[in-house]
Amino acid sequence: MSAVCKVIEGEPLNAKDKYSFDHPPVQSAEDWNKLLDQTRTDAERFVSLVEQLPDSRLTETFADEK
């Protein structure tokens, strides 16, 4: 999600599908809670950025078409 947020903020898309699920192993309840907290934080940031987008940007190409 952070790669998408960066694109909305004007940076180039710099992400690879093969890394989409790379993260440290979840080995405890604390690890799980940290992952949930980070996911919520990322989602809230994304929502905030999308809410600020002008409607015209919603129909534009998101990133480099390939």
C-alpha atoms as a PDB file:
ATOM      1  CA  MET A   1       0.000   0.000   0.000  1.00  0.00           C
ATOM      2  CA  SER A   2       2.869   2.378   0.659  1.00  0.00           C
ATOM      3  CA  ALA A   3       3.949   2.154  -3.002  1.00  0.00           C
ATOM      4  CA  VAL A   4       0.465   3.230  -4.083  1.00  0.00           C
ATOM      5  CA  CYS A   5       0.522   6.130  -1.641  1.00  0.00           C
ATOM      6  CA  LYS A   6       3.867   7.281  -3.013  1.00  0.00           C
ATOM      7  CA  VAL A   7       2.443   7.322  -6.552  1.00  0.00           C
ATOM      8  CA  ILE A   8      -0.530   9.398  -5.400  1.00  0.00           C
ATOM      9  CA  GLU A   9       1.992  11.800  -3.842  1.00  0.00           C
ATOM     10  CA  GLY A  10       3.734  12.136  -7.217  1.00  0.00           C
ATOM     11  CA  GLU A  11       6.574   9.632  -7.040  1.00  0.00           C
ATOM     12  CA  PRO A  12       7.129   7.001  -9.742  1.00  0.00           C
ATOM     13  CA  LEU A  13       5.756   3.513  -9.203  1.00  0.00           C
ATOM     14  CA  ASN A  14       8.578   1.513  -7.661  1.00  0.00           C
ATOM     15  CA  ALA A  15       7.109  -1.827  -6.595  1.00  0.00           C
ATOM     16  CA  LYS A  16       7.187  -5.430  -7.754  1.00  0.00           C
ATOM     17  CA  ASP A  17       4.433  -8.019  -7.376  1.00  0.00           C
ATOM     18  CA  LYS A  18       6.941 -10.607  -6.221  1.00  0.00           C
ATOM     19  CA  TYR A  19       7.568  -8.516  -3.085  1.00  0.00           C
ATOM     20  CA  SER A  20       3.895  -7.939  -2.257  1.00  0.00           C
ATOM     21  CA  PHE A  21       3.828 -10.466   0.549  1.00  0.00           C
ATOM     22  CA  ASP A  22       7.379 -10.148   1.859  1.00  0.00           C
ATOM     23  CA  HIS A  23       7.417  -9.383   5.547  1.00  0.00           C
ATOM     24  CA  PRO A  24       9.064 -10.784   8.635  1.00  0.00           C
ATOM     25  CA  PRO A  25       7.540 -13.976  10.018  1.00  0.00           C
ATOM     26  CA  VAL A  26       4.695 -13.535  12.480  1.00  0.00           C
ATOM     27  CA  GLN A  27       5.878 -15.480  15.497  1.00  0.00           C
ATOM     28  CA  SER A  28       3.876 -13.972  18.320  1.00  0.00           C
ATOM     29  CA  ALA A  29       0.727 -12.085  19.177  1.00  0.00           C
ATOM     30  CA  GLU A  30       2.869  -8.943  19.415  1.00  0.00           C
ATOM     31  CA  ASP A  31       4.158  -9.472  15.858  1.00  0.00           C
ATOM     32  CA  TRP A  32       0.578  -9.959  14.652  1.00  0.00           C
ATOM     33  CA  ASN A  33      -0.622  -6.815  16.399  1.00  0.00           C
ATOM     34  CA  LYS A  34       2.229  -4.772  14.923  1.00  0.00           C
ATOM     35  CA  LEU A  35       1.319  -6.040  11.454  1.00  0.00           C
ATOM     36  CA  LEU A  36      -2.340  -5.125  12.019  1.00  0.00           C
ATOM     37  CA  ASP A  37      -1.396  -1.663  13.311  1.00  0.00           C
ATOM     38  CA  GLN A  38       0.837  -0.996  10.303  1.00  0.00           C
ATOM     39  CA  THR A  39      -1.857  -2.197   7.912  1.00  0.00           C
ATOM     40  CA  ARG A  40      -4.421   0.109   9.529  1.00  0.00           C
ATOM     41  CA  THR A  41      -2.002   3.049   9.425  1.00  0.00           C
ATOM     42  CA  ASP A  42      -1.248   2.432   5.738  1.00  0.00           C
ATOM     43  CA  ALA A  43      -4.960   2.108   4.926  1.00  0.00           C
ATOM     44  CA  GLU A  44      -5.805   5.343   6.744  1.00  0.00           C
ATOM     45  CA  ARG A  45      -3.028   7.163   4.869  1.00  0.00           C
ATOM     46  CA  PHE A  46      -4.322   5.794   1.561  1.00  0.00           C
ATOM     47  CA  VAL A  47      -7.897   6.846   2.326  1.00  0.00           C
ATOM     48  CA  SER A  48      -6.742  10.327   3.306  1.00  0.00           C
ATOM     49  CA  LEU A  49      -4.766  10.739   0.080  1.00  0.00           C
ATOM     50  CA  VAL A  50      -7.625   9.497  -2.109  1.00  0.00           C
ATOM     51  CA  GLU A  51     -10.082  11.829  -0.367  1.00  0.00           C
ATOM     52  CA  GLN A  52      -7.838  14.760  -1.309  1.00  0.00           C
ATOM     53  CA  LEU A  53      -7.579  13.819  -4.996  1.00  0.00           C
ATOM     54  CA  PRO A  54      -9.528  15.951  -7.424  1.00  0.00           C
ATOM     55  CA  ASP A  55     -12.180  13.955  -9.293  1.00  0.00           C
ATOM     56  CA  SER A  56     -10.285  14.472 -12.549  1.00  0.00           C
ATOM     57  CA  ARG A  57      -7.370  12.383 -11.241  1.00  0.00           C
ATOM     58  CA  LEU A  58      -9.642   9.395 -10.636  1.00  0.00           C
ATOM     59  CA  THR A  59     -10.025   8.798 -14.387  1.00  0.00           C
ATOM     60  CA  GLU A  60      -6.346   9.297 -15.264  1.00  0.00           C
ATOM     61  CA  THR A  61      -3.839   6.499 -15.776  1.00  0.00           C
ATOM     62  CA  PHE A  62      -2.525   5.663 -12.327  1.00  0.00           C
ATOM     63  CA  ALA A  63       1.076   4.940 -13.260  1.00  0.00           C
ATOM     64  CA  ASP A  64       3.178   4.045 -16.285  1.00  0.00           C
ATOM     65  CA  GLU A  65       1.060   1.871 -18.581  1.00  0.00           C
ATOM     66  CA  LYS A  66       2.886  -1.319 -19.543  1.00  0.00           C
END
